[in-house]
PDB file of N, CA and C in Angstrom:
ATOM      1  N   MET A   1     -23.465 -22.063   1.056  1.00  0.00           N
ATOM      2  CA  MET A   1     -23.274 -20.715   1.579  1.00  0.00           C
ATOM      3  C   MET A   1     -21.862 -20.610   2.159  1.00  0.00           C
ATOM      4  N   ILE A   2     -21.214 -19.511   1.869  1.00  0.00           N
ATOM      5  CA  ILE A   2     -19.856 -19.278   2.351  1.00  0.00           C
ATOM      6  C   ILE A   2     -19.900 -18.332   3.540  1.00  0.00           C
ATOM      7  N   ASP A   3     -19.253 -18.732   4.626  1.00  0.00           N
ATOM      8  CA  ASP A   3     -19.178 -17.887   5.808  1.00  0.00           C
ATOM      9  C   ASP A   3     -17.901 -17.065   5.745  1.00  0.00           C
ATOM     10  N   LEU A   4     -18.048 -15.768   5.578  1.00  0.00           N
ATOM     11  CA  LEU A   4     -16.886 -14.893   5.483  1.00  0.00           C
ATOM     12  C   LEU A   4     -16.562 -14.234   6.821  1.00  0.00           C
ATOM     13  N   LYS A   5     -17.216 -14.667   7.875  1.00  0.00           N
ATOM     14  CA  LYS A   5     -16.962 -14.115   9.198  1.00  0.00           C
ATOM     15  C   LYS A   5     -15.498 -14.368   9.565  1.00  0.00           C
ATOM     16  N   GLY A   6     -14.813 -13.341   9.981  1.00  0.00           N
ATOM     17  CA  GLY A   6     -13.420 -13.476  10.351  1.00  0.00           C
ATOM     18  C   GLY A   6     -12.459 -13.330   9.187  1.00  0.00           C
ATOM     19  N   TYR A   7     -12.972 -13.249   7.975  1.00  0.00           N
ATOM     20  CA  TYR A   7     -12.120 -13.083   6.791  1.00  0.00           C
ATOM     21  C   TYR A   7     -11.640 -11.640   6.719  1.00  0.00           C
ATOM     22  N   VAL A   8     -10.347 -11.461   6.564  1.00  0.00           N
ATOM     23  CA  VAL A   8      -9.783 -10.116   6.498  1.00  0.00           C
ATOM     24  C   VAL A   8      -8.896  -9.996   5.264  1.00  0.00           C
ATOM     25  N   MET A   9      -9.207  -9.014   4.453  1.00  0.00           N
ATOM     26  CA  MET A   9      -8.362  -8.709   3.305  1.00  0.00           C
ATOM     27  C   MET A   9      -7.656  -7.397   3.615  1.00  0.00           C
ATOM     28  N   THR A  10      -6.357  -7.378   3.452  1.00  0.00           N
ATOM     29  CA  THR A  10      -5.567  -6.188   3.716  1.00  0.00           C
ATOM     30  C   THR A  10      -5.642  -5.252   2.518  1.00  0.00           C
ATOM     31  N   LYS A  11      -5.971  -3.987   2.795  1.00  0.00           N
ATOM     32  CA  LYS A  11      -6.024  -2.985   1.728  1.00  0.00           C
ATOM     33  C   LYS A  11      -4.699  -2.230   1.719  1.00  0.00           C
ATOM     34  N   LEU A  12      -3.943  -2.397   0.645  1.00  0.00           N
ATOM     35  CA  LEU A  12      -2.658  -1.728   0.470  1.00  0.00           C
ATOM     36  C   LEU A  12      -2.858  -0.578  -0.504  1.00  0.00           C
ATOM     37  N   GLN A  13      -2.618   0.624  -0.034  1.00  0.00           N
ATOM     38  CA  GLN A  13      -2.882   1.808  -0.844  1.00  0.00           C
ATOM     39  C   GLN A  13      -1.560   2.484  -1.223  1.00  0.00           C
ATOM     40  N   ILE A  14      -1.381   2.674  -2.513  1.00  0.00           N
ATOM     41  CA  ILE A  14      -0.223   3.367  -3.042  1.00  0.00           C
ATOM     42  C   ILE A  14      -0.673   4.788  -3.370  1.00  0.00           C
ATOM     43  N   LEU A  15      -0.057   5.754  -2.710  1.00  0.00           N
ATOM     44  CA  LEU A  15      -0.416   7.148  -2.901  1.00  0.00           C
ATOM     45  C   LEU A  15       0.647   7.810  -3.769  1.00  0.00           C
ATOM     46  N   GLY A  16       0.230   8.278  -4.924  1.00  0.00           N
ATOM     47  CA  GLY A  16       1.167   8.935  -5.835  1.00  0.00           C
ATOM     48  C   GLY A  16       0.511   9.187  -7.176  1.00  0.00           C
ATOM     49  N   THR A  17       1.129  10.044  -7.946  1.00  0.00           N
ATOM     50  CA  THR A  17       0.536  10.485  -9.211  1.00  0.00           C
ATOM     51  C   THR A  17       0.779   9.531 -10.375  1.00  0.00           C
ATOM     52  N   GLY A  18       1.516   8.462 -10.126  1.00  0.00           N
ATOM     53  CA  GLY A  18       1.776   7.509 -11.203  1.00  0.00           C
ATOM     54  C   GLY A  18       3.183   7.606 -11.766  1.00  0.00           C
ATOM     55  N   CYS A  19       4.055   8.313 -11.071  1.00  0.00           N
ATOM     56  CA  CYS A  19       5.447   8.452 -11.512  1.00  0.00           C
ATOM     57  C   CYS A  19       6.154   7.096 -11.428  1.00  0.00           C
ATOM     58  N   PRO A  20       7.334   6.973 -12.014  1.00  0.00           N
ATOM     59  CA  PRO A  20       8.054   5.689 -11.965  1.00  0.00           C
ATOM     60  C   PRO A  20       8.296   5.169 -10.538  1.00  0.00           C
ATOM     61  N   LYS A  21       8.586   6.060  -9.594  1.00  0.00           N
ATOM     62  CA  LYS A  21       8.791   5.616  -8.209  1.00  0.00           C
ATOM     63  C   LYS A  21       7.497   5.071  -7.611  1.00  0.00           C
ATOM     64  N   CYS A  22       6.378   5.683  -7.936  1.00  0.00           N
ATOM     65  CA  CYS A  22       5.081   5.215  -7.448  1.00  0.00           C
ATOM     66  C   CYS A  22       4.769   3.833  -8.034  1.00  0.00           C
ATOM     67  N   GLN A  23       5.051   3.670  -9.308  1.00  0.00           N
ATOM     68  CA  GLN A  23       4.813   2.380  -9.955  1.00  0.00           C
ATOM     69  C   GLN A  23       5.700   1.299  -9.358  1.00  0.00           C
ATOM     70  N   GLN A  24       6.954   1.647  -9.057  1.00  0.00           N
ATOM     71  CA  GLN A  24       7.868   0.669  -8.465  1.00  0.00           C
ATOM     72  C   GLN A  24       7.444   0.316  -7.041  1.00  0.00           C
ATOM     73  N   LEU A  25       6.954   1.304  -6.286  1.00  0.00           N
ATOM     74  CA  LEU A  25       6.456   1.024  -4.934  1.00  0.00           C
ATOM     75  C   LEU A  25       5.274   0.061  -4.997  1.00  0.00           C
ATOM     76  N   ALA A  26       4.395   0.239  -5.979  1.00  0.00           N
ATOM     77  CA  ALA A  26       3.265  -0.672  -6.149  1.00  0.00           C
ATOM     78  C   ALA A  26       3.760  -2.088  -6.438  1.00  0.00           C
ATOM     79  N   GLN A  27       4.739  -2.215  -7.304  1.00  0.00           N
ATOM     80  CA  GLN A  27       5.290  -3.530  -7.645  1.00  0.00           C
ATOM     81  C   GLN A  27       5.968  -4.169  -6.427  1.00  0.00           C
ATOM     82  N   ASN A  28       6.768  -3.388  -5.709  1.00  0.00           N
ATOM     83  CA  ASN A  28       7.456  -3.912  -4.533  1.00  0.00           C
ATOM     84  C   ASN A  28       6.461  -4.332  -3.452  1.00  0.00           C
ATOM     85  N   THR A  29       5.386  -3.564  -3.305  1.00  0.00           N
ATOM     86  CA  THR A  29       4.355  -3.885  -2.315  1.00  0.00           C
ATOM     87  C   THR A  29       3.649  -5.181  -2.686  1.00  0.00           C
ATOM     88  N   LYS A  30       3.353  -5.348  -3.964  1.00  0.00           N
ATOM     89  CA  LYS A  30       2.728  -6.588  -4.436  1.00  0.00           C
ATOM     90  C   LYS A  30       3.637  -7.782  -4.142  1.00  0.00           C
ATOM     91  N   GLU A  31       4.926  -7.646  -4.443  1.00  0.00           N
ATOM     92  CA  GLU A  31       5.870  -8.737  -4.196  1.00  0.00           C
ATOM     93  C   GLU A  31       5.954  -9.067  -2.710  1.00  0.00           C
ATOM     94  N   ALA A  32       5.966  -8.045  -1.853  1.00  0.00           N
ATOM     95  CA  ALA A  32       6.033  -8.266  -0.412  1.00  0.00           C
ATOM     96  C   ALA A  32       4.785  -8.990   0.089  1.00  0.00           C
ATOM     97  N   ALA A  33       3.616  -8.559  -0.376  1.00  0.00           N
ATOM     98  CA  ALA A  33       2.356  -9.172   0.058  1.00  0.00           C
ATOM     99  C   ALA A  33       2.280 -10.630  -0.387  1.00  0.00           C
ATOM    100  N   GLU A  34       2.716 -10.906  -1.606  1.00  0.00           N
ATOM    101  CA  GLU A  34       2.683 -12.277  -2.104  1.00  0.00           C
ATOM    102  C   GLU A  34       3.680 -13.158  -1.363  1.00  0.00           C
ATOM    103  N   ALA A  35       4.853 -12.614  -1.035  1.00  0.00           N
ATOM    104  CA  ALA A  35       5.856 -13.377  -0.292  1.00  0.00           C
ATOM    105  C   ALA A  35       5.355 -13.741   1.100  1.00  0.00           C
ATOM    106  N   LEU A  36       4.517 -12.866   1.669  1.00  0.00           N
ATOM    107  CA  LEU A  36       3.962 -13.118   3.001  1.00  0.00           C
ATOM    108  C   LEU A  36       2.691 -13.966   2.962  1.00  0.00           C
ATOM    109  N   GLY A  37       2.159 -14.188   1.765  1.00  0.00           N
ATOM    110  CA  GLY A  37       0.935 -14.968   1.629  1.00  0.00           C
ATOM    111  C   GLY A  37      -0.311 -14.228   2.099  1.00  0.00           C
ATOM    112  N   LEU A  38      -0.304 -12.907   2.007  1.00  0.00           N
ATOM    113  CA  LEU A  38      -1.449 -12.110   2.451  1.00  0.00           C
ATOM    114  C   LEU A  38      -2.596 -12.164   1.445  1.00  0.00           C
ATOM    115  N   ASP A  39      -3.816 -12.083   1.970  1.00  0.00           N
ATOM    116  CA  ASP A  39      -4.972 -11.789   1.127  1.00  0.00           C
ATOM    117  C   ASP A  39      -5.021 -10.274   1.069  1.00  0.00           C
ATOM    118  N   TYR A  40      -4.869  -9.711  -0.114  1.00  0.00           N
ATOM    119  CA  TYR A  40      -4.736  -8.258  -0.215  1.00  0.00           C
ATOM    120  C   TYR A  40      -5.372  -7.733  -1.477  1.00  0.00           C
ATOM    121  N   GLU A  41      -5.581  -6.431  -1.459  1.00  0.00           N
ATOM    122  CA  GLU A  41      -5.935  -5.710  -2.673  1.00  0.00           C
ATOM    123  C   GLU A  41      -5.071  -4.462  -2.688  1.00  0.00           C
ATOM    124  N   ILE A  42      -4.599  -4.099  -3.862  1.00  0.00           N
ATOM    125  CA  ILE A  42      -3.819  -2.877  -4.010  1.00  0.00           C
ATOM    126  C   ILE A  42      -4.708  -1.826  -4.648  1.00  0.00           C
ATOM    127  N   GLN A  43      -4.734  -0.681  -4.008  1.00  0.00           N
ATOM    128  CA  GLN A  43      -5.506   0.450  -4.503  1.00  0.00           C
ATOM    129  C   GLN A  43      -4.527   1.575  -4.801  1.00  0.00           C
ATOM    130  N   LYS A  44      -4.559   2.090  -6.011  1.00  0.00           N
ATOM    131  CA  LYS A  44      -3.679   3.194  -6.385  1.00  0.00           C
ATOM    132  C   LYS A  44      -4.477   4.486  -6.289  1.00  0.00           C
ATOM    133  N   ILE A  45      -3.999   5.384  -5.460  1.00  0.00           N
ATOM    134  CA  ILE A  45      -4.665   6.673  -5.261  1.00  0.00           C
ATOM    135  C   ILE A  45      -3.798   7.737  -5.923  1.00  0.00           C
ATOM    136  N   THR A  46      -4.311   8.321  -7.007  1.00  0.00           N
ATOM    137  CA  THR A  46      -3.525   9.259  -7.802  1.00  0.00           C
ATOM    138  C   THR A  46      -4.010  10.708  -7.692  1.00  0.00           C
ATOM    139  N   SER A  47      -5.170  10.913  -7.120  1.00  0.00           N
ATOM    140  CA  SER A  47      -5.714  12.263  -6.990  1.00  0.00           C
ATOM    141  C   SER A  47      -4.992  13.012  -5.869  1.00  0.00           C
ATOM    142  N   ILE A  48      -4.454  14.177  -6.197  1.00  0.00           N
ATOM    143  CA  ILE A  48      -3.756  14.995  -5.203  1.00  0.00           C
ATOM    144  C   ILE A  48      -4.691  15.313  -4.032  1.00  0.00           C
ATOM    145  N   THR A  49      -5.948  15.573  -4.324  1.00  0.00           N
ATOM    146  CA  THR A  49      -6.925  15.867  -3.275  1.00  0.00           C
ATOM    147  C   THR A  49      -7.063  14.691  -2.318  1.00  0.00           C
ATOM    148  N   GLU A  50      -7.163  13.486  -2.870  1.00  0.00           N
ATOM    149  CA  GLU A  50      -7.293  12.290  -2.034  1.00  0.00           C
ATOM    150  C   GLU A  50      -5.999  12.016  -1.265  1.00  0.00           C
ATOM    151  N   ILE A  51      -4.872  12.224  -1.904  1.00  0.00           N
ATOM    152  CA  ILE A  51      -3.571  11.991  -1.251  1.00  0.00           C
ATOM    153  C   ILE A  51      -3.419  12.909  -0.043  1.00  0.00           C
ATOM    154  N   THR A  52      -3.786  14.182  -0.200  1.00  0.00           N
ATOM    155  CA  THR A  52      -3.631  15.117   0.915  1.00  0.00           C
ATOM    156  C   THR A  52      -4.589  14.809   2.061  1.00  0.00           C
ATOM    157  N   LYS A  53      -5.690  14.131   1.783  1.00  0.00           N
ATOM    158  CA  LYS A  53      -6.606  13.714   2.864  1.00  0.00           C
ATOM    159  C   LYS A  53      -5.925  12.742   3.821  1.00  0.00           C
ATOM    160  N   PHE A  54      -4.904  12.043   3.338  1.00  0.00           N
ATOM    161  CA  PHE A  54      -4.121  11.141   4.180  1.00  0.00           C
ATOM    162  C   PHE A  54      -3.064  11.910   4.986  1.00  0.00           C
ATOM    163  N   GLY A  55      -2.891  13.202   4.693  1.00  0.00           N
ATOM    164  CA  GLY A  55      -1.865  13.997   5.344  1.00  0.00           C
ATOM    165  C   GLY A  55      -0.502  13.838   4.696  1.00  0.00           C
ATOM    166  N   VAL A  56      -0.478  13.272   3.510  1.00  0.00           N
ATOM    167  CA  VAL A  56       0.775  13.017   2.797  1.00  0.00           C
ATOM    168  C   VAL A  56       1.131  14.233   1.946  1.00  0.00           C
ATOM    169  N   MET A  57       2.368  14.685   2.110  1.00  0.00           N
ATOM    170  CA  MET A  57       2.849  15.821   1.321  1.00  0.00           C
ATOM    171  C   MET A  57       3.908  15.406   0.311  1.00  0.00           C
ATOM    172  N   MET A  58       4.517  14.220   0.510  1.00  0.00           N
ATOM    173  CA  MET A  58       5.535  13.728  -0.416  1.00  0.00           C
ATOM    174  C   MET A  58       5.183  12.308  -0.832  1.00  0.00           C
ATOM    175  N   THR A  59       5.283  12.057  -2.128  1.00  0.00           N
ATOM    176  CA  THR A  59       5.004  10.719  -2.638  1.00  0.00           C
ATOM    177  C   THR A  59       6.295  10.124  -3.177  1.00  0.00           C
ATOM    178  N   PRO A  60       6.345   8.828  -3.356  1.00  0.00           N
ATOM    179  CA  PRO A  60       5.263   7.878  -3.148  1.00  0.00           C
ATOM    180  C   PRO A  60       5.050   7.612  -1.664  1.00  0.00           C
ATOM    181  N   ALA A  61       3.854   7.129  -1.359  1.00  0.00           N
ATOM    182  CA  ALA A  61       3.523   6.779   0.012  1.00  0.00           C
ATOM    183  C   ALA A  61       2.784   5.450   0.008  1.00  0.00           C
ATOM    184  N   LEU A  62       2.875   4.767   1.142  1.00  0.00           N
ATOM    185  CA  LEU A  62       2.201   3.487   1.319  1.00  0.00           C
ATOM    186  C   LEU A  62       1.311   3.578   2.541  1.00  0.00           C
ATOM    187  N   ALA A  63       0.044   3.222   2.360  1.00  0.00           N
ATOM    188  CA  ALA A  63      -0.894   3.141   3.479  1.00  0.00           C
ATOM    189  C   ALA A  63      -1.411   1.709   3.551  1.00  0.00           C
ATOM    190  N   VAL A  64      -1.629   1.254   4.766  1.00  0.00           N
ATOM    191  CA  VAL A  64      -2.183  -0.074   4.997  1.00  0.00           C
ATOM    192  C   VAL A  64      -3.495   0.102   5.745  1.00  0.00           C
ATOM    193  N   ASP A  65      -4.575  -0.344   5.132  1.00  0.00           N
ATOM    194  CA  ASP A  65      -5.909  -0.194   5.706  1.00  0.00           C
ATOM    195  C   ASP A  65      -6.182   1.243   6.155  1.00  0.00           C
ATOM    196  N   GLY A  66      -5.730   2.196   5.329  1.00  0.00           N
ATOM    197  CA  GLY A  66      -6.018   3.608   5.578  1.00  0.00           C
ATOM    198  C   GLY A  66      -5.018   4.331   6.464  1.00  0.00           C
ATOM    199  N   THR A  67      -4.018   3.635   6.987  1.00  0.00           N
ATOM    200  CA  THR A  67      -3.008   4.249   7.853  1.00  0.00           C
ATOM    201  C   THR A  67      -1.690   4.359   7.090  1.00  0.00           C
ATOM    202  N   VAL A  68      -1.173   5.580   6.991  1.00  0.00           N
ATOM    203  CA  VAL A  68       0.079   5.801   6.268  1.00  0.00           C
ATOM    204  C   VAL A  68       1.235   5.170   7.044  1.00  0.00           C
ATOM    205  N   LYS A  69       1.999   4.338   6.341  1.00  0.00           N
ATOM    206  CA  LYS A  69       3.148   3.648   6.934  1.00  0.00           C
ATOM    207  C   LYS A  69       4.470   4.233   6.457  1.00  0.00           C
ATOM    208  N   SER A  70       4.472   4.855   5.293  1.00  0.00           N
ATOM    209  CA  SER A  70       5.689   5.441   4.739  1.00  0.00           C
ATOM    210  C   SER A  70       5.299   6.510   3.727  1.00  0.00           C
ATOM    211  N   ALA A  71       6.098   7.580   3.679  1.00  0.00           N
ATOM    212  CA  ALA A  71       5.851   8.641   2.694  1.00  0.00           C
ATOM    213  C   ALA A  71       7.176   9.245   2.243  1.00  0.00           C
ATOM    214  N   GLY A  72       7.242   9.574   0.966  1.00  0.00           N
ATOM    215  CA  GLY A  72       8.385  10.289   0.428  1.00  0.00           C
ATOM    216  C   GLY A  72       9.576   9.434   0.056  1.00  0.00           C
ATOM    217  N   LYS A  73       9.417   8.106   0.094  1.00  0.00           N
ATOM    218  CA  LYS A  73      10.548   7.269  -0.314  1.00  0.00           C
ATOM    219  C   LYS A  73      10.075   5.977  -0.951  1.00  0.00           C
ATOM    220  N   LEU A  74      10.933   5.463  -1.795  1.00  0.00           N
ATOM    221  CA  LEU A  74      10.676   4.196  -2.466  1.00  0.00           C
ATOM    222  C   LEU A  74      11.251   3.084  -1.599  1.00  0.00           C
ATOM    223  N   LEU A  75      10.375   2.262  -1.057  1.00  0.00           N
ATOM    224  CA  LEU A  75      10.797   1.172  -0.179  1.00  0.00           C
ATOM    225  C   LEU A  75      11.069  -0.096  -0.975  1.00  0.00           C
ATOM    226  N   GLU A  76      12.073  -0.829  -0.535  1.00  0.00           N
ATOM    227  CA  GLU A  76      12.370  -2.135  -1.114  1.00  0.00           C
ATOM    228  C   GLU A  76      11.417  -3.176  -0.507  1.00  0.00           C
ATOM    229  N   VAL A  77      11.325  -4.317  -1.150  1.00  0.00           N
ATOM    230  CA  VAL A  77      10.412  -5.390  -0.733  1.00  0.00           C
ATOM    231  C   VAL A  77      10.613  -5.755   0.732  1.00  0.00           C
ATOM    232  N   GLU A  78      11.856  -5.961   1.149  1.00  0.00           N
ATOM    233  CA  GLU A  78      12.129  -6.392   2.530  1.00  0.00           C
ATOM    234  C   GLU A  78      11.742  -5.329   3.548  1.00  0.00           C
ATOM    235  N   ALA A  79      11.793  -4.061   3.180  1.00  0.00           N
ATOM    236  CA  ALA A  79      11.392  -2.980   4.087  1.00  0.00           C
ATOM    237  C   ALA A  79       9.876  -2.885   4.191  1.00  0.00           C
ATOM    238  N   ILE A  80       9.171  -3.345   3.175  1.00  0.00           N
ATOM    239  CA  ILE A  80       7.706  -3.268   3.160  1.00  0.00           C
ATOM    240  C   ILE A  80       7.088  -4.376   4.011  1.00  0.00           C
ATOM    241  N   LYS A  81       7.695  -5.539   4.007  1.00  0.00           N
ATOM    242  CA  LYS A  81       7.111  -6.696   4.693  1.00  0.00           C
ATOM    243  C   LYS A  81       6.673  -6.410   6.138  1.00  0.00           C
ATOM    244  N   PRO A  82       7.532  -5.832   6.981  1.00  0.00           N
ATOM    245  CA  PRO A  82       7.080  -5.601   8.360  1.00  0.00           C
ATOM    246  C   PRO A  82       5.968  -4.554   8.470  1.00  0.00           C
ATOM    247  N   LEU A  83       5.871  -3.675   7.479  1.00  0.00           N
ATOM    248  CA  LEU A  83       4.838  -2.640   7.507  1.00  0.00           C
ATOM    249  C   LEU A  83       3.455  -3.179   7.172  1.00  0.00           C
ATOM    250  N   ILE A  84       3.406  -4.263   6.393  1.00  0.00           N
ATOM    251  CA  ILE A  84       2.105  -4.756   5.945  1.00  0.00           C
ATOM    252  C   ILE A  84       1.640  -6.011   6.683  1.00  0.00           C
ATOM    253  N   GLN A  85       2.493  -6.563   7.532  1.00  0.00           N
ATOM    254  CA  GLN A  85       2.073  -7.721   8.316  1.00  0.00           C
ATOM    255  C   GLN A  85       1.091  -7.294   9.383  1.00  0.00           C
ATOM    256  N   GLY A  86       0.097  -8.144   9.636  1.00  0.00           N
ATOM    257  CA  GLY A  86      -0.923  -7.863  10.642  1.00  0.00           C
ATOM    258  C   GLY A  86      -0.331  -7.602  11.972  1.00  0.00           C
TER     259      GLY A  86
END
């Protein structure tokens, strides 16, 4: 039996319609998470209805565990790292 008590996986959400900037933000976020050694999952949210539920009006946007950390700009890997660290 595996005890998962205390196990935390970071949910990284990319908010955007799938444009090239959104795709690049997803790639940069993946690289940042791997460089930090995080246990993570990336979720791409492409529905405008779902994106607006986050209060985001400009994409691409990055949310960590449901909290928007950046919106309206394409972040580089080094800029993402401090946003996704616990």
